N, C-alpha and C. Protein backbone atom coordinates (compact mmCIF):
# COMPACT_ATOMS: atom_id res chain seq x y z
N MET A 1 -20.33 14.44 34.16
CA MET A 1 -20.30 15.12 32.87
C MET A 1 -18.91 15.02 32.25
N ILE A 2 -17.90 15.34 33.02
CA ILE A 2 -16.53 15.25 32.51
C ILE A 2 -16.20 13.80 32.18
N LEU A 3 -16.69 12.88 32.99
CA LEU A 3 -16.45 11.47 32.76
C LEU A 3 -17.08 11.01 31.44
N ASP A 4 -18.28 11.51 31.16
CA ASP A 4 -18.95 11.19 29.89
C ASP A 4 -18.16 11.71 28.70
N GLN A 5 -17.64 12.91 28.83
CA GLN A 5 -16.85 13.50 27.74
C GLN A 5 -15.58 12.68 27.50
N LEU A 6 -14.94 12.25 28.59
CA LEU A 6 -13.74 11.42 28.46
C LEU A 6 -14.05 10.09 27.78
N LYS A 7 -15.17 9.49 28.14
CA LYS A 7 -15.58 8.23 27.52
C LYS A 7 -15.84 8.42 26.03
N LYS A 8 -16.49 9.53 25.68
CA LYS A 8 -16.77 9.82 24.28
C LYS A 8 -15.47 10.03 23.50
N ARG A 9 -14.53 10.75 24.10
CA ARG A 9 -13.25 11.00 23.45
C ARG A 9 -12.49 9.70 23.23
N LYS A 10 -12.50 8.85 24.27
CA LYS A 10 -11.82 7.57 24.15
C LYS A 10 -12.43 6.73 23.03
N LYS A 11 -13.73 6.76 22.93
CA LYS A 11 -14.43 6.00 21.89
C LYS A 11 -14.07 6.55 20.51
N VAL A 12 -14.04 7.86 20.38
CA VAL A 12 -13.69 8.48 19.11
C VAL A 12 -12.26 8.12 18.73
N VAL A 13 -11.35 8.19 19.68
CA VAL A 13 -9.95 7.85 19.43
C VAL A 13 -9.83 6.38 19.03
N PHE A 14 -10.54 5.52 19.74
CA PHE A 14 -10.53 4.10 19.44
C PHE A 14 -11.02 3.84 18.01
N LEU A 15 -12.12 4.48 17.63
CA LEU A 15 -12.68 4.28 16.30
C LEU A 15 -11.75 4.82 15.21
N LYS A 16 -11.10 5.95 15.47
CA LYS A 16 -10.15 6.50 14.50
C LYS A 16 -8.97 5.56 14.32
N LYS A 17 -8.46 5.03 15.42
CA LYS A 17 -7.34 4.09 15.34
C LYS A 17 -7.74 2.83 14.59
N LYS A 18 -8.93 2.36 14.87
CA LYS A 18 -9.43 1.16 14.20
C LYS A 18 -9.53 1.39 12.68
N THR A 19 -10.04 2.55 12.31
CA THR A 19 -10.16 2.90 10.89
C THR A 19 -8.78 3.01 10.24
N LEU A 20 -7.85 3.63 10.93
CA LEU A 20 -6.49 3.76 10.40
C LEU A 20 -5.83 2.39 10.23
N LYS A 21 -6.01 1.52 11.21
CA LYS A 21 -5.44 0.17 11.12
C LYS A 21 -6.01 -0.59 9.93
N LYS A 22 -7.30 -0.43 9.71
CA LYS A 22 -7.94 -1.10 8.57
C LYS A 22 -7.38 -0.57 7.25
N LYS A 23 -7.22 0.74 7.15
CA LYS A 23 -6.65 1.33 5.94
C LYS A 23 -5.22 0.85 5.72
N ILE A 24 -4.45 0.80 6.79
CA ILE A 24 -3.06 0.34 6.70
C ILE A 24 -3.02 -1.11 6.23
N ASN A 25 -3.87 -1.95 6.79
CA ASN A 25 -3.91 -3.36 6.38
C ASN A 25 -4.26 -3.51 4.91
N ASN A 26 -5.22 -2.71 4.43
CA ASN A 26 -5.60 -2.76 3.01
C ASN A 26 -4.45 -2.33 2.12
N ILE A 27 -3.78 -1.28 2.51
CA ILE A 27 -2.64 -0.79 1.73
C ILE A 27 -1.51 -1.81 1.74
N GLU A 28 -1.24 -2.40 2.90
CA GLU A 28 -0.19 -3.41 2.98
C GLU A 28 -0.49 -4.61 2.09
N SER A 29 -1.75 -4.96 1.99
CA SER A 29 -2.16 -6.05 1.10
C SER A 29 -1.89 -5.69 -0.36
N LYS A 30 -2.22 -4.47 -0.74
CA LYS A 30 -1.96 -4.00 -2.11
C LYS A 30 -0.46 -3.95 -2.38
N ILE A 31 0.31 -3.51 -1.39
CA ILE A 31 1.77 -3.45 -1.53
C ILE A 31 2.32 -4.85 -1.78
N SER A 32 1.85 -5.80 -1.02
CA SER A 32 2.31 -7.18 -1.16
C SER A 32 2.03 -7.72 -2.56
N LYS A 33 0.83 -7.46 -3.06
CA LYS A 33 0.46 -7.92 -4.41
C LYS A 33 1.34 -7.27 -5.47
N LEU A 34 1.56 -5.98 -5.34
CA LEU A 34 2.40 -5.28 -6.31
C LEU A 34 3.84 -5.76 -6.26
N GLU A 35 4.35 -6.00 -5.06
CA GLU A 35 5.72 -6.50 -4.93
C GLU A 35 5.87 -7.86 -5.62
N LYS A 36 4.86 -8.71 -5.49
CA LYS A 36 4.88 -10.01 -6.16
C LYS A 36 4.85 -9.84 -7.67
N GLU A 37 3.98 -8.96 -8.16
CA GLU A 37 3.90 -8.70 -9.60
C GLU A 37 5.22 -8.19 -10.15
N ILE A 38 5.81 -7.25 -9.45
CA ILE A 38 7.09 -6.68 -9.88
C ILE A 38 8.17 -7.75 -9.85
N SER A 39 8.17 -8.58 -8.83
CA SER A 39 9.15 -9.66 -8.73
C SER A 39 9.00 -10.64 -9.89
N LEU A 40 7.76 -11.00 -10.22
CA LEU A 40 7.52 -11.89 -11.35
C LEU A 40 7.98 -11.26 -12.66
N THR A 41 7.72 -9.99 -12.79
CA THR A 41 8.14 -9.27 -14.00
C THR A 41 9.66 -9.23 -14.09
N ASN A 42 10.31 -8.98 -12.97
CA ASN A 42 11.78 -8.97 -12.95
C ASN A 42 12.34 -10.34 -13.33
N SER A 43 11.71 -11.38 -12.83
CA SER A 43 12.15 -12.74 -13.18
C SER A 43 11.96 -13.01 -14.67
N ALA A 44 10.84 -12.57 -15.20
CA ALA A 44 10.58 -12.75 -16.63
C ALA A 44 11.61 -12.00 -17.46
N LEU A 45 11.98 -10.81 -17.01
CA LEU A 45 13.00 -10.03 -17.72
C LEU A 45 14.35 -10.74 -17.70
N GLU A 46 14.68 -11.33 -16.57
CA GLU A 46 15.96 -12.04 -16.45
C GLU A 46 15.99 -13.29 -17.33
N LYS A 47 14.86 -13.98 -17.40
CA LYS A 47 14.81 -15.23 -18.16
C LYS A 47 14.79 -14.99 -19.66
N ASN A 48 13.97 -14.05 -20.09
CA ASN A 48 13.84 -13.81 -21.52
C ASN A 48 13.46 -12.35 -21.76
N TYR A 49 14.46 -11.52 -21.74
CA TYR A 49 14.26 -10.07 -21.86
C TYR A 49 13.51 -9.71 -23.14
N GLU A 50 13.98 -10.21 -24.26
CA GLU A 50 13.40 -9.85 -25.56
C GLU A 50 11.92 -10.22 -25.65
N LYS A 51 11.58 -11.39 -25.20
CA LYS A 51 10.18 -11.84 -25.27
C LYS A 51 9.30 -11.01 -24.32
N THR A 52 9.84 -10.69 -23.16
CA THR A 52 9.06 -9.97 -22.16
C THR A 52 8.76 -8.53 -22.58
N ILE A 53 9.73 -7.85 -23.16
CA ILE A 53 9.52 -6.43 -23.48
C ILE A 53 8.64 -6.20 -24.70
N VAL A 54 8.37 -7.24 -25.48
CA VAL A 54 7.53 -7.02 -26.66
C VAL A 54 6.04 -6.94 -26.33
N GLU A 55 5.69 -7.26 -25.09
CA GLU A 55 4.30 -7.13 -24.69
C GLU A 55 3.87 -5.67 -24.83
N SER A 56 2.63 -5.47 -25.23
CA SER A 56 2.18 -4.10 -25.49
C SER A 56 2.27 -3.26 -24.22
N ASN A 57 2.83 -2.09 -24.37
CA ASN A 57 2.99 -1.12 -23.28
C ASN A 57 3.74 -1.68 -22.07
N PHE A 58 4.67 -2.59 -22.31
CA PHE A 58 5.37 -3.24 -21.20
C PHE A 58 6.00 -2.22 -20.26
N PHE A 59 6.81 -1.33 -20.81
CA PHE A 59 7.56 -0.41 -19.95
C PHE A 59 6.65 0.56 -19.20
N SER A 60 5.60 1.02 -19.84
CA SER A 60 4.70 1.94 -19.13
C SER A 60 3.94 1.20 -18.02
N LYS A 61 3.55 -0.04 -18.25
CA LYS A 61 2.88 -0.83 -17.21
C LYS A 61 3.83 -1.09 -16.05
N TYR A 62 5.07 -1.42 -16.38
CA TYR A 62 6.08 -1.71 -15.37
C TYR A 62 6.36 -0.47 -14.52
N GLU A 63 6.52 0.66 -15.17
CA GLU A 63 6.76 1.92 -14.44
C GLU A 63 5.55 2.29 -13.59
N ASN A 64 4.35 2.07 -14.12
CA ASN A 64 3.14 2.36 -13.34
C ASN A 64 3.07 1.51 -12.08
N MET A 65 3.44 0.24 -12.20
CA MET A 65 3.46 -0.63 -11.01
C MET A 65 4.45 -0.11 -9.98
N LYS A 66 5.63 0.26 -10.43
CA LYS A 66 6.65 0.75 -9.51
C LYS A 66 6.22 2.07 -8.87
N ASN A 67 5.63 2.96 -9.66
CA ASN A 67 5.15 4.23 -9.12
C ASN A 67 4.02 4.02 -8.12
N GLU A 68 3.10 3.13 -8.45
CA GLU A 68 1.99 2.85 -7.54
C GLU A 68 2.52 2.26 -6.23
N LEU A 69 3.52 1.39 -6.34
CA LEU A 69 4.13 0.82 -5.14
C LEU A 69 4.73 1.91 -4.26
N GLY A 70 5.44 2.83 -4.85
CA GLY A 70 6.01 3.94 -4.10
C GLY A 70 4.94 4.79 -3.43
N ASP A 71 3.88 5.07 -4.17
CA ASP A 71 2.77 5.87 -3.62
C ASP A 71 2.11 5.16 -2.44
N LEU A 72 1.89 3.85 -2.59
CA LEU A 72 1.25 3.09 -1.52
C LEU A 72 2.15 3.03 -0.28
N MET A 73 3.44 2.89 -0.50
CA MET A 73 4.37 2.85 0.63
C MET A 73 4.37 4.18 1.38
N LYS A 74 4.30 5.25 0.64
CA LYS A 74 4.25 6.58 1.26
C LYS A 74 2.95 6.75 2.06
N MET A 75 1.83 6.32 1.46
CA MET A 75 0.55 6.41 2.15
C MET A 75 0.57 5.59 3.44
N CYS A 76 1.13 4.39 3.36
CA CYS A 76 1.20 3.52 4.53
C CYS A 76 2.04 4.17 5.63
N GLU A 77 3.15 4.75 5.23
CA GLU A 77 4.02 5.43 6.19
C GLU A 77 3.29 6.60 6.85
N ASP A 78 2.60 7.40 6.05
CA ASP A 78 1.86 8.55 6.59
C ASP A 78 0.77 8.11 7.57
N LEU A 79 0.05 7.06 7.21
CA LEU A 79 -1.02 6.58 8.09
C LEU A 79 -0.44 5.99 9.38
N THR A 80 0.69 5.32 9.27
CA THR A 80 1.33 4.75 10.45
C THR A 80 1.77 5.85 11.42
N VAL A 81 2.25 6.96 10.87
CA VAL A 81 2.64 8.09 11.71
C VAL A 81 1.40 8.65 12.43
N LYS A 82 0.31 8.74 11.72
CA LYS A 82 -0.93 9.24 12.33
C LYS A 82 -1.41 8.30 13.44
N LEU A 83 -1.18 7.01 13.24
CA LEU A 83 -1.62 6.02 14.21
C LEU A 83 -0.87 6.16 15.53
N ASP A 84 0.40 6.51 15.43
CA ASP A 84 1.22 6.67 16.63
C ASP A 84 0.91 7.98 17.27
């Protein structure tokens, strides 16, 4: 009986870790995409600032990307702590 309970607990722990790893991988993928977008935007700003900023809602979109990146990094950190 105790052995069955231990097996069940191990399975639950395994499944929780698997789920956390999957969430972390998804978040890391989103982080990577956002970092690339921000990098491209930074390059565009360096090459032709005036042309780049005239795009509609440029600054709000840029700030949203940076804020989302920060939020995702925090989520990833929190999930990684739970995983350990």
